[in-house]
Structures are given as C-alpha cells and as structure tokens.
C-alpha cells in the first residue's frame, strides 16, 4: 500500500508463575494456575511477531482472558450467572497476584499493581498494538491484493475496538488511577483510537482515488481523516515533548498531508463546477499544506522516541501527491487565463465536512466468558487467598519484536497505494 505508519513498541512484563499459596490445592486449581501461566507465555510470544496471522493471535488472546476471568469477576453458580444482568461483581481474587508492566512512553521501569484488571488492560493494549503492527506489515508488502487491503482496514478497526474496550470497560474498574502518560491514561487511549480510525480511513481514501469516485467525496473523506489525526495529536499535547513529541509529529504530518489531499480534490471539484478562481485558491492551499507536511516530516526524523526511525517523505504515497497538485493547479491557471478570467478570492474555500460514504468506526470487542476450568468449587477454593503486596519495581529490557519488511517498489497507480 506504500503507506508508512508510526508504531509504538510493545510493552514488557515480568514472567508470571501464578504460584498461589493455597491451603488445600486441588487438581482443578493446579490445572488453572498451570494453564494461566502457559497461556500467558504463549500470548506474549506470538504477539512479538507482526507476521503472525490474526487466526493465531485471537485464540491465544481469548484463551488467556477467559482463564483470567475469575480473577477479575466473580464466578457464580450457573443459575445465578443466568440471572445476572450487566457487568458481574468484582472477584474476591482481584488482588491476589502482582502484575508488572512497562509503559510504552515511560521507559523501561515497571509499574506494578496487585489488580487483575490492570493485567487484562495492559495485555489488551499489547494485543491492540499487535493489530496495528500487523496492519503495517500487510500494508508494507511488495504486492498487496484487494483482500489484503481489506485486511489492513479490518485490523486497524479491530485495534480501535480493543482500545475502546479498555477505555470503557477496564479503566472504570481499576483499583488505582493509571500512571500519567501510561498506555492506560485515557488521553493515550484516545490517541490510539483516533489514530487507528484515521489509518483505516487512509485505505478508504486510497480506494476512492483508485475507483475515481467523485472529487468532492474524496475531499470530504480526506478532510475527515485529517481531522482524526489532528484530534489524536491534540490529545497528546498535554504531555512533555520528550514523552509524546515523536508521536505528535507523525500525527501532525498525517493531518497536514490529508489536508493537502482534501484541498487538492476540493480544487478539482470546484473546477468541474466552473469556479476556477476558487479552485486555484484551494490548490494553493493544498500546496501550502504539502510544504507544511514536508517540514513536519523532517522534524519527525530528528526526534528520538520509542518508534523506529523512518523517512515518510520518501514513500511513494507522499511523493505522488506533489506532482498531482502541481498538475491540477497549472491546469486551473491555464484555463483561468484562457477562459474564465476569475479573480482569485482571499478566502480559502470551505472543505466539505460530511463524507456520505467511507467513514470508519471501530469493530466492537467483546470479552469472553470464563474458561470451562472455572467453576464454583475452584472459585471458593481460591477465595481464601489474601491480597498481595506490591514489590520493588524492576527495569526490563525492551521486547524483541520481529521486523517488518517495507516494500521498495513504486506502485503504478493514481494514489500511490497498491490496492488491486
């Protein structure tokens, strides 16, 4: 697809043995603890590789959450469970295990909590990050087909759905407020949701260009995409520059780039309506936005941050827009000199803010019910455990993630995105 994406690193965590000091352990409680340990190891292992398929990740994710379920929510008898409406009661086992996690933007120190909701939330964020990385992997392929382009779109919507679920379901239940600037900070989660939604819309914009949809629709879609990127950037501005500076520059670059896209197609639409003076003004603004994007790009390259260093202005999708804008502007100037003789207005044309098609929404994520290993007896056997006390924090090495191959081929189509 020739798009490039800013991807934050996965969060690191300590090994979790689930060695619970139970007075009278049973085969069922031993199996639960063993399955939890192995399921967690398995999930953390498979998400290190963005080249894995979602068919590998999803069962591992659902399995772990279903095993963790009884540490988050109460296990009742089947009859009581059937009568229960809404969110279950908190589990008596919520605080019996300590979980240590690093936070994407806060370095290598752990932040611990004896709260299984904290564990579920952090693990979910890591899986959301995997979906973003998997989308980037698919988008970076040499030859991406239409089904893979749809997968990019779907993966980003699923990531947005997971981040939304963490925001609406797990955050309100946390025993303690999440650390400021952590992945569970509501502002950070908002940025993730808006970024994923905007990146999914990039696929829609590219597809609309390929299919030569109405210029006004493309302009409106690009404008909506630009606003989502800018909203994401704005939610991060309250943090120190050294924490979110790199991420903000990426979001600002994408916002400026799609603003340029929007004004280019706005100009094309105005020319088709014989409003040549206004078309020229729109295209001049498109050029200005593109220059701003180029500057933001260079600034992005100079900032140190958790994401890998890349050069977005060297990607085809970026290089392809400048000549398109110049070509359309030259055409407008030529036709204005020969035919229209319109005065160029001082006011920039107002962009259409309501795209009628193609707007993206997150795919809802649903928490699994509890694993079959859970029952009332297992829950009662474990219920006598006392709350754990948080230990000393640790310094953890970054997760060793598998690299994503980026295509060096130039696509031979209008958008610079390979959507065949």
Protein backbone atom coordinates (compact mmCIF):
# COMPACT_ATOMS: atom_id res chain seq x y z
CA UNK A 1 0.00 0.00 0.00
CA UNK A 2 3.09 2.15 0.32
CA UNK A 3 1.75 3.83 3.44
CA UNK A 4 4.04 4.21 6.41
CA UNK A 5 2.83 4.02 9.99
CA UNK A 6 4.23 5.19 13.32
CA UNK A 7 4.13 2.17 15.61
CA UNK A 8 4.87 2.30 19.34
CA UNK A 9 6.82 -0.58 20.86
CA UNK A 10 5.20 -3.48 22.71
CA UNK A 11 5.09 -3.27 26.49
CA UNK A 12 7.36 -5.56 28.51
CA UNK A 13 6.26 -7.58 31.53
CA UNK A 14 7.80 -9.98 34.02
CA UNK A 15 7.17 -13.71 33.95
CA UNK A 16 4.03 -14.63 35.86
CA UNK A 17 4.19 -18.01 37.56
CA UNK A 18 0.73 -17.91 39.20
CA UNK A 19 2.15 -19.84 42.16
CA UNK A 20 -0.71 -19.28 44.59
CA UNK A 21 -0.30 -20.34 48.21
CA UNK A 22 -3.47 -22.38 48.56
CA UNK A 23 -4.10 -24.29 51.80
CA UNK A 24 -5.77 -27.25 50.09
CA UNK A 25 -4.95 -27.19 46.36
CA UNK A 26 -6.95 -29.49 44.10
CA UNK A 27 -6.20 -30.89 40.66
CA UNK A 28 -8.56 -28.27 39.23
CA UNK A 29 -6.79 -25.32 40.92
CA UNK A 30 -3.38 -26.69 39.88
CA UNK A 31 -4.61 -27.00 36.29
CA UNK A 32 -5.99 -23.45 36.34
CA UNK A 33 -2.68 -21.98 37.54
CA UNK A 34 -0.68 -24.06 35.05
CA UNK A 35 -2.97 -23.13 32.15
CA UNK A 36 -2.83 -19.44 33.09
CA UNK A 37 0.96 -19.46 33.15
CA UNK A 38 1.30 -21.29 29.81
CA UNK A 39 -1.47 -19.28 28.14
CA UNK A 40 0.22 -16.00 29.13
CA UNK A 41 3.62 -17.17 27.88
CA UNK A 42 2.06 -18.27 24.59
CA UNK A 43 0.24 -14.96 24.02
CA UNK A 44 3.29 -12.83 24.83
CA UNK A 45 5.34 -14.96 22.44
CA UNK A 46 3.01 -14.81 19.42
CA UNK A 47 2.40 -11.05 19.58
CA UNK A 48 6.14 -10.36 19.20
CA UNK A 49 5.78 -11.24 15.52
CA UNK A 50 3.57 -8.95 13.38
CA UNK A 51 3.85 -11.54 10.58
CA UNK A 52 1.67 -13.99 12.53
CA UNK A 53 -1.95 -14.21 11.42
CA UNK A 54 -4.90 -12.96 13.43
CA UNK A 55 -6.07 -16.60 13.45
CA UNK A 56 -3.06 -17.28 15.69
CA UNK A 57 -3.39 -14.21 17.92
CA UNK A 58 -7.12 -14.14 18.61
CA UNK A 59 -7.50 -17.65 20.08
CA UNK A 60 -4.42 -17.05 22.27
CA UNK A 61 -5.87 -13.72 23.46
CA UNK A 62 -9.36 -15.06 24.13
CA UNK A 63 -7.95 -18.13 25.90
CA UNK A 64 -5.88 -16.00 28.28
CA UNK A 65 -8.71 -13.58 29.11
CA UNK A 66 -11.13 -16.46 29.72
CA UNK A 67 -8.62 -18.08 32.12
CA UNK A 68 -8.02 -14.75 33.87
CA UNK A 69 -11.79 -14.11 34.08
CA UNK A 70 -12.27 -15.48 37.63
CA UNK A 71 -9.54 -13.17 38.92
CA UNK A 72 -11.47 -10.19 37.51
CA UNK A 73 -15.12 -11.11 38.04
CA UNK A 74 -16.99 -13.29 40.46
CA UNK A 75 -17.84 -16.86 39.49
CA UNK A 76 -21.39 -17.77 40.50
CA UNK A 77 -23.47 -20.88 40.18
CA UNK A 78 -24.93 -21.47 36.72
CA UNK A 79 -28.40 -20.39 37.90
CA UNK A 80 -27.09 -17.11 39.39
CA UNK A 81 -24.96 -16.48 36.28
CA UNK A 82 -28.02 -16.88 34.03
CA UNK A 83 -29.99 -14.37 36.13
CA UNK A 84 -27.18 -11.80 36.18
CA UNK A 85 -27.72 -8.68 34.10
CA UNK A 86 -24.92 -6.26 33.20
CA UNK A 87 -21.37 -6.39 34.49
CA UNK A 88 -20.63 -9.16 37.07
CA UNK A 89 -19.48 -8.36 40.60
CA UNK A 90 -15.74 -7.91 41.16
CA UNK A 91 -13.89 -11.12 42.00
CA UNK A 92 -12.60 -11.80 45.52
CA UNK A 93 -9.37 -12.81 43.75
CA UNK A 94 -8.81 -9.43 42.11
CA UNK A 95 -5.82 -8.54 44.29
CA UNK A 96 -4.05 -11.85 44.95
CA UNK A 97 -1.45 -11.57 42.14
CA UNK A 98 1.02 -8.76 41.39
CA UNK A 99 1.45 -7.77 37.75
CA UNK A 100 4.40 -5.74 36.49
CA UNK A 101 4.30 -3.88 33.18
CA UNK A 102 6.40 -1.25 31.45
CA UNK A 103 4.52 1.55 29.70
CA UNK A 104 5.20 2.38 26.06
CA UNK A 105 6.14 6.04 26.54
CA UNK A 106 7.59 5.86 30.06
CA UNK A 107 10.81 3.90 29.53
CA UNK A 108 11.94 0.54 30.87
CA UNK A 109 10.80 0.80 34.51
CA UNK A 110 7.88 -1.36 35.58
CA UNK A 111 4.65 -0.07 37.09
CA UNK A 112 3.14 -2.74 39.34
CA UNK A 113 -0.35 -3.38 40.57
CA UNK A 114 -2.00 -6.18 42.55
CA UNK A 115 -5.06 -5.90 40.33
CA UNK A 116 -6.08 -8.41 37.66
CA UNK A 117 -8.00 -5.69 35.79
CA UNK A 118 -4.65 -3.89 35.41
CA UNK A 119 -3.25 -7.09 33.89
CA UNK A 120 -6.17 -7.53 31.49
CA UNK A 121 -5.99 -3.88 30.41
CA UNK A 122 -2.23 -3.91 29.75
CA UNK A 123 -2.36 -7.23 27.91
CA UNK A 124 -5.25 -5.93 25.79
CA UNK A 125 -3.26 -2.81 24.86
CA UNK A 126 -0.38 -5.04 23.76
CA UNK A 127 -2.76 -7.05 21.56
CA UNK A 128 -4.17 -3.78 20.15
CA UNK A 129 -0.60 -2.73 19.30
CA UNK A 130 -0.07 -6.10 17.60
CA UNK A 131 -3.11 -5.48 15.36
CA UNK A 132 -1.64 -2.08 14.40
CA UNK A 133 1.74 -3.67 13.61
CA UNK A 134 0.08 -6.49 11.66
CA UNK A 135 -1.76 -3.88 9.56
CA UNK A 136 1.56 -2.10 8.92
CA UNK A 137 3.14 -5.41 7.88
CA UNK A 138 0.36 -6.09 5.36
CA UNK A 139 0.48 -2.51 4.05
CA UNK A 140 4.25 -2.72 3.52
CA UNK A 141 4.12 -5.79 1.24
CA UNK A 142 5.56 -5.63 -2.28
CA UNK A 143 2.36 -6.88 -3.89
CA UNK A 144 -0.73 -6.32 -1.80
CA UNK A 145 -4.02 -7.56 -3.26
CA UNK A 146 -7.53 -6.31 -2.62
CA UNK A 147 -8.24 -8.86 0.11
CA UNK A 148 -5.07 -7.84 1.97
CA UNK A 149 -6.03 -4.17 1.65
CA UNK A 150 -9.38 -5.04 3.24
CA UNK A 151 -7.47 -6.87 5.98
CA UNK A 152 -5.42 -3.72 6.71
CA UNK A 153 -8.69 -1.82 7.06
CA UNK A 154 -10.20 -4.53 9.31
CA UNK A 155 -7.10 -4.95 11.52
CA UNK A 156 -6.98 -1.22 12.27
CA UNK A 157 -10.70 -1.18 13.13
CA UNK A 158 -10.17 -4.15 15.43
CA UNK A 159 -7.28 -2.40 17.16
CA UNK A 160 -9.52 0.64 17.67
CA UNK A 161 -12.21 -1.66 19.12
CA UNK A 162 -9.79 -3.19 21.64
CA UNK A 163 -8.51 0.23 22.77
CA UNK A 164 -12.11 1.43 23.11
CA UNK A 165 -12.97 -1.63 25.22
CA UNK A 166 -10.01 -0.96 27.53
CA UNK A 167 -11.21 2.64 27.84
CA UNK A 168 -14.86 1.90 28.57
CA UNK A 169 -14.72 -1.45 30.42
CA UNK A 170 -11.38 -1.84 32.18
CA UNK A 171 -10.44 1.76 33.10
CA UNK A 172 -13.53 2.42 35.26
CA UNK A 173 -12.79 -0.75 37.25
CA UNK A 174 -9.11 -0.14 38.04
CA UNK A 175 -8.41 -0.14 41.78
CA UNK A 176 -5.96 2.78 41.37
CA UNK A 177 -5.74 5.50 38.71
CA UNK A 178 -3.32 4.52 35.92
CA UNK A 179 0.08 6.27 35.87
CA UNK A 180 0.01 9.56 33.93
CA UNK A 181 1.38 9.03 30.44
CA UNK A 182 0.93 5.25 30.65
CA UNK A 183 -0.88 3.25 27.99
CA UNK A 184 -3.92 3.24 30.28
CA UNK A 185 -4.02 7.04 30.52
CA UNK A 186 -7.37 7.99 28.88
CA UNK A 187 -5.61 10.55 26.66
CA UNK A 188 -3.20 7.93 25.31
CA UNK A 189 -6.04 5.50 24.64
CA UNK A 190 -7.97 8.29 22.86
CA UNK A 191 -4.95 8.91 20.65
CA UNK A 192 -4.72 5.21 19.78
CA UNK A 193 -8.43 5.01 18.89
CA UNK A 194 -8.30 8.14 16.69
CA UNK A 195 -5.05 7.07 15.02
CA UNK A 196 -6.34 3.57 14.17
CA UNK A 197 -9.60 5.01 12.83
CA UNK A 198 -7.73 7.58 10.73
CA UNK A 199 -5.33 4.97 9.34
CA UNK A 200 -8.24 2.71 8.38
CA UNK A 201 -9.74 5.69 6.56
CA UNK A 202 -6.48 6.10 4.64
CA UNK A 203 -7.32 2.79 2.96
CA UNK A 204 -10.78 4.13 2.12
CA UNK A 205 -9.34 7.34 0.64
CA UNK A 206 -6.86 5.37 -1.48
CA UNK A 207 -9.62 3.08 -2.72
CA UNK A 208 -11.83 6.07 -3.61
CA UNK A 209 -8.97 7.54 -5.66
CA UNK A 210 -8.38 4.21 -7.45
CA UNK A 211 -12.07 3.87 -8.34
CA UNK A 212 -12.19 7.54 -9.48
CA UNK A 213 -15.02 8.44 -7.13
CA UNK A 214 -16.49 11.93 -7.07
CA UNK A 215 -13.79 14.52 -6.22
CA UNK A 216 -15.99 16.09 -3.54
CA UNK A 217 -16.40 12.72 -1.77
CA UNK A 218 -12.61 12.14 -1.83
CA UNK A 219 -12.06 15.66 -0.48
CA UNK A 220 -14.57 15.14 2.34
CA UNK A 221 -13.07 11.75 3.27
CA UNK A 222 -9.54 13.16 3.26
CA UNK A 223 -10.70 16.09 5.41
CA UNK A 224 -12.33 13.75 7.96
CA UNK A 225 -9.12 11.67 8.03
CA UNK A 226 -7.01 14.79 8.58
CA UNK A 227 -9.24 15.84 11.49
CA UNK A 228 -8.92 12.42 13.17
CA UNK A 229 -5.12 12.62 13.00
CA UNK A 230 -5.23 16.15 14.41
CA UNK A 231 -7.62 15.10 17.21
CA UNK A 232 -5.17 12.34 18.13
CA UNK A 233 -2.28 14.85 18.19
CA UNK A 234 -4.27 17.30 20.30
CA UNK A 235 -4.99 14.70 22.99
CA UNK A 236 -1.22 14.19 23.40
CA UNK A 237 -0.21 17.87 23.71
CA UNK A 238 -0.65 17.98 27.48
CA UNK A 239 2.36 15.65 27.91
CA UNK A 240 6.01 16.69 27.95
CA UNK A 241 7.57 16.85 24.48
CA UNK A 242 10.13 14.17 25.35
CA UNK A 243 7.28 11.72 26.03
CA UNK A 244 4.96 12.26 23.05
CA UNK A 245 6.94 14.58 20.73
CA UNK A 246 7.77 11.92 18.13
CA UNK A 247 4.23 10.57 18.06
CA UNK A 248 2.69 14.06 17.77
CA UNK A 249 4.93 14.93 14.80
CA UNK A 250 3.75 11.80 12.97
CA UNK A 251 0.10 12.67 13.63
CA UNK A 252 0.63 16.31 12.60
CA UNK A 253 2.37 15.19 9.41
CA UNK A 254 -0.51 12.88 8.51
CA UNK A 255 -3.05 15.63 9.32
CA UNK A 256 -1.24 18.13 7.04
CA UNK A 257 -0.83 15.52 4.29
CA UNK A 258 -4.55 14.67 4.21
CA UNK A 259 -5.46 18.35 4.44
CA UNK A 260 -3.42 18.81 1.27
CA UNK A 261 -5.25 15.84 -0.27
CA UNK A 262 -8.59 17.37 0.72
CA UNK A 263 -7.83 20.79 -0.82
CA UNK A 264 -6.48 19.18 -4.00
CA UNK A 265 -9.73 17.31 -4.63
CA UNK A 266 -11.75 20.31 -3.46
CA UNK A 267 -9.99 22.32 -6.18
CA UNK A 268 -10.71 19.63 -8.77
CA UNK A 269 -14.39 19.68 -7.77
CA UNK A 270 -14.58 23.49 -7.94
CA UNK A 271 -13.02 23.47 -11.42
CA UNK A 272 -15.65 20.96 -12.56
CA UNK A 273 -18.25 23.45 -11.26
CA UNK A 274 -16.61 26.24 -13.32
CA UNK A 275 -15.43 28.05 -10.16
CA UNK A 276 -11.91 28.44 -11.42
CA UNK A 277 -10.79 31.28 -9.11
CA UNK A 278 -11.87 29.35 -6.02
CA UNK A 279 -10.26 26.18 -7.45
CA UNK A 280 -6.91 27.99 -7.74
CA UNK A 281 -7.19 29.20 -4.14
CA UNK A 282 -7.95 25.64 -2.95
CA UNK A 283 -4.95 24.25 -4.83
CA UNK A 284 -2.67 26.97 -3.49
CA UNK A 285 -3.75 25.90 -0.01
CA UNK A 286 -3.08 22.26 -0.96
CA UNK A 287 0.47 23.24 -1.91
CA UNK A 288 0.90 25.13 1.38
CA UNK A 289 -0.29 22.10 3.38
CA UNK A 290 2.10 19.85 1.48
CA UNK A 291 5.03 22.16 2.28
CA UNK A 292 4.00 22.10 5.94
CA UNK A 293 3.85 18.28 5.79
CA UNK A 294 7.38 18.18 4.34
CA UNK A 295 8.70 20.32 7.24
CA UNK A 296 6.91 18.17 9.83
CA UNK A 297 8.41 15.13 8.15
CA UNK A 298 11.94 16.47 8.54
CA UNK A 299 11.24 17.38 12.17
CA UNK A 300 9.89 13.88 12.80
CA UNK A 301 13.15 12.38 11.51
CA UNK A 302 15.16 14.37 14.06
CA UNK A 303 13.17 13.42 17.16
CA UNK A 304 14.17 10.46 19.30
CA UNK A 305 11.35 8.29 20.55
CA UNK A 306 10.21 4.73 21.07
CA UNK A 307 9.12 4.17 17.45
CA UNK A 308 11.63 3.04 14.78
CA UNK A 309 13.15 5.81 12.62
CA UNK A 310 11.67 6.08 9.12
CA UNK A 311 11.54 8.70 6.32
CA UNK A 312 7.89 9.20 5.38
CA UNK A 313 8.59 11.84 2.72
CA UNK A 314 10.46 9.19 0.71
CA UNK A 315 7.37 6.95 0.48
CA UNK A 316 5.57 6.86 -2.86
CA UNK A 317 2.22 7.99 -1.45
CA UNK A 318 3.91 11.23 -0.32
CA UNK A 319 6.00 11.78 -3.45
CA UNK A 320 2.99 11.14 -5.69
CA UNK A 321 0.79 13.94 -4.31
CA UNK A 322 3.07 16.95 -5.09
CA UNK A 323 3.02 16.49 -8.91
CA UNK A 324 -0.75 15.85 -8.84
CA UNK A 325 -1.34 19.15 -7.02
CA UNK A 326 1.03 20.99 -9.39
CA UNK A 327 -0.63 19.48 -12.46
CA UNK A 328 -4.14 20.45 -11.30
CA UNK A 329 -3.01 23.96 -10.29
CA UNK A 330 -1.26 24.51 -13.65
CA UNK A 331 -4.42 23.36 -15.43
CA UNK A 332 -6.55 25.79 -13.40
CA UNK A 333 -4.20 28.71 -14.03
CA UNK A 334 -4.11 27.91 -17.76
CA UNK A 335 -7.90 27.68 -18.05
CA UNK A 336 -8.39 30.80 -15.95
CA UNK A 337 -6.09 32.75 -18.28
CA UNK A 338 -7.79 31.44 -21.43
CA UNK A 339 -11.44 31.01 -20.45
CA UNK A 340 -12.66 32.08 -17.01
CA UNK A 341 -10.66 35.22 -16.08
CA UNK A 342 -11.85 34.80 -12.45
CA UNK A 343 -10.38 36.81 -9.62
CA UNK A 344 -8.66 34.58 -7.04
CA UNK A 345 -10.51 35.11 -3.72
CA UNK A 346 -8.71 35.96 -0.48
CA UNK A 347 -10.73 33.40 1.47
CA UNK A 348 -9.79 29.72 1.33
CA UNK A 349 -12.75 27.58 0.20
CA UNK A 350 -14.52 25.72 2.98
CA UNK A 351 -13.98 21.97 2.85
CA UNK A 352 -16.93 19.60 2.93
CA UNK A 353 -17.01 18.14 6.45
CA UNK A 354 -19.61 15.44 5.84
CA UNK A 355 -18.45 12.45 3.85
CA UNK A 356 -21.52 10.46 2.84
CA UNK A 357 -19.62 7.16 2.45
CA UNK A 358 -16.48 5.50 3.74
CA UNK A 359 -16.32 6.77 7.33
CA UNK A 360 -14.74 4.23 9.65
CA UNK A 361 -15.87 3.05 13.09
CA UNK A 362 -14.10 0.63 15.49
CA UNK A 363 -15.13 -3.03 15.44
CA UNK A 364 -16.62 -3.78 18.87
CA UNK A 365 -14.57 -6.10 21.04
CA UNK A 366 -16.39 -8.49 23.38
CA UNK A 367 -14.78 -10.04 26.46
CA UNK A 368 -15.05 -13.84 26.50
CA UNK A 369 -16.92 -15.63 29.26
CA UNK A 370 -14.96 -17.69 31.76
CA UNK A 371 -12.96 -20.76 30.74
CA UNK A 372 -14.51 -24.23 31.43
CA UNK A 373 -11.79 -24.85 34.06
CA UNK A 374 -13.57 -22.28 36.25
CA UNK A 375 -16.46 -23.41 38.43
CA UNK A 376 -17.89 -22.51 41.82
CA UNK A 377 -15.69 -25.05 43.66
CA UNK A 378 -12.47 -23.72 42.10
CA UNK A 379 -13.50 -20.15 42.86
CA UNK A 380 -14.34 -20.97 46.50
CA UNK A 381 -11.09 -22.90 46.97
CA UNK A 382 -9.12 -19.84 45.84
CA UNK A 383 -11.29 -17.29 47.68
CA UNK A 384 -9.36 -17.61 50.93
CA UNK A 385 -6.21 -16.13 49.38
CA UNK A 386 -5.03 -12.82 50.81
CA UNK A 387 -4.19 -9.71 48.81
CA UNK A 388 -0.62 -9.48 47.52
CA UNK A 389 1.70 -6.62 48.41
CA UNK A 390 3.41 -4.73 45.61
CA UNK A 391 7.12 -5.44 45.46
CA UNK A 392 10.07 -3.34 44.30
CA UNK A 393 9.86 -2.14 40.69
CA UNK A 394 12.20 -3.54 38.07
CA UNK A 395 13.98 -2.44 34.91
CA UNK A 396 13.02 -4.64 31.95
CA UNK A 397 14.73 -4.91 28.56
CA UNK A 398 12.56 -3.97 25.54
CA UNK A 399 10.57 -6.74 23.88
CA UNK A 400 12.47 -8.25 20.93
CA UNK A 401 9.97 -7.78 18.12
CA UNK A 402 10.29 -9.29 14.66
CA UNK A 403 10.98 -6.68 11.98
CA UNK A 404 8.50 -5.62 9.29
CA UNK A 405 9.71 -5.76 5.68
CA UNK A 406 8.97 -2.50 3.83
CA UNK A 407 8.43 -2.54 0.08
CA UNK A 408 10.83 -0.54 -2.08
CA UNK A 409 8.69 -0.90 -5.21
CA UNK A 410 6.77 2.04 -6.66
CA UNK A 411 3.10 1.25 -7.30
CA UNK A 412 1.85 2.19 -10.76
CA UNK A 413 -1.47 3.76 -9.86
CA UNK A 414 -3.06 7.07 -9.02
CA UNK A 415 -2.94 7.08 -5.22
CA UNK A 416 0.50 5.58 -4.68
CA UNK A 417 -1.23 2.75 -2.79
CA UNK A 418 -1.31 -0.78 -4.14
CA UNK A 419 -5.00 -1.66 -3.88
CA UNK A 420 -5.57 -4.10 -6.71
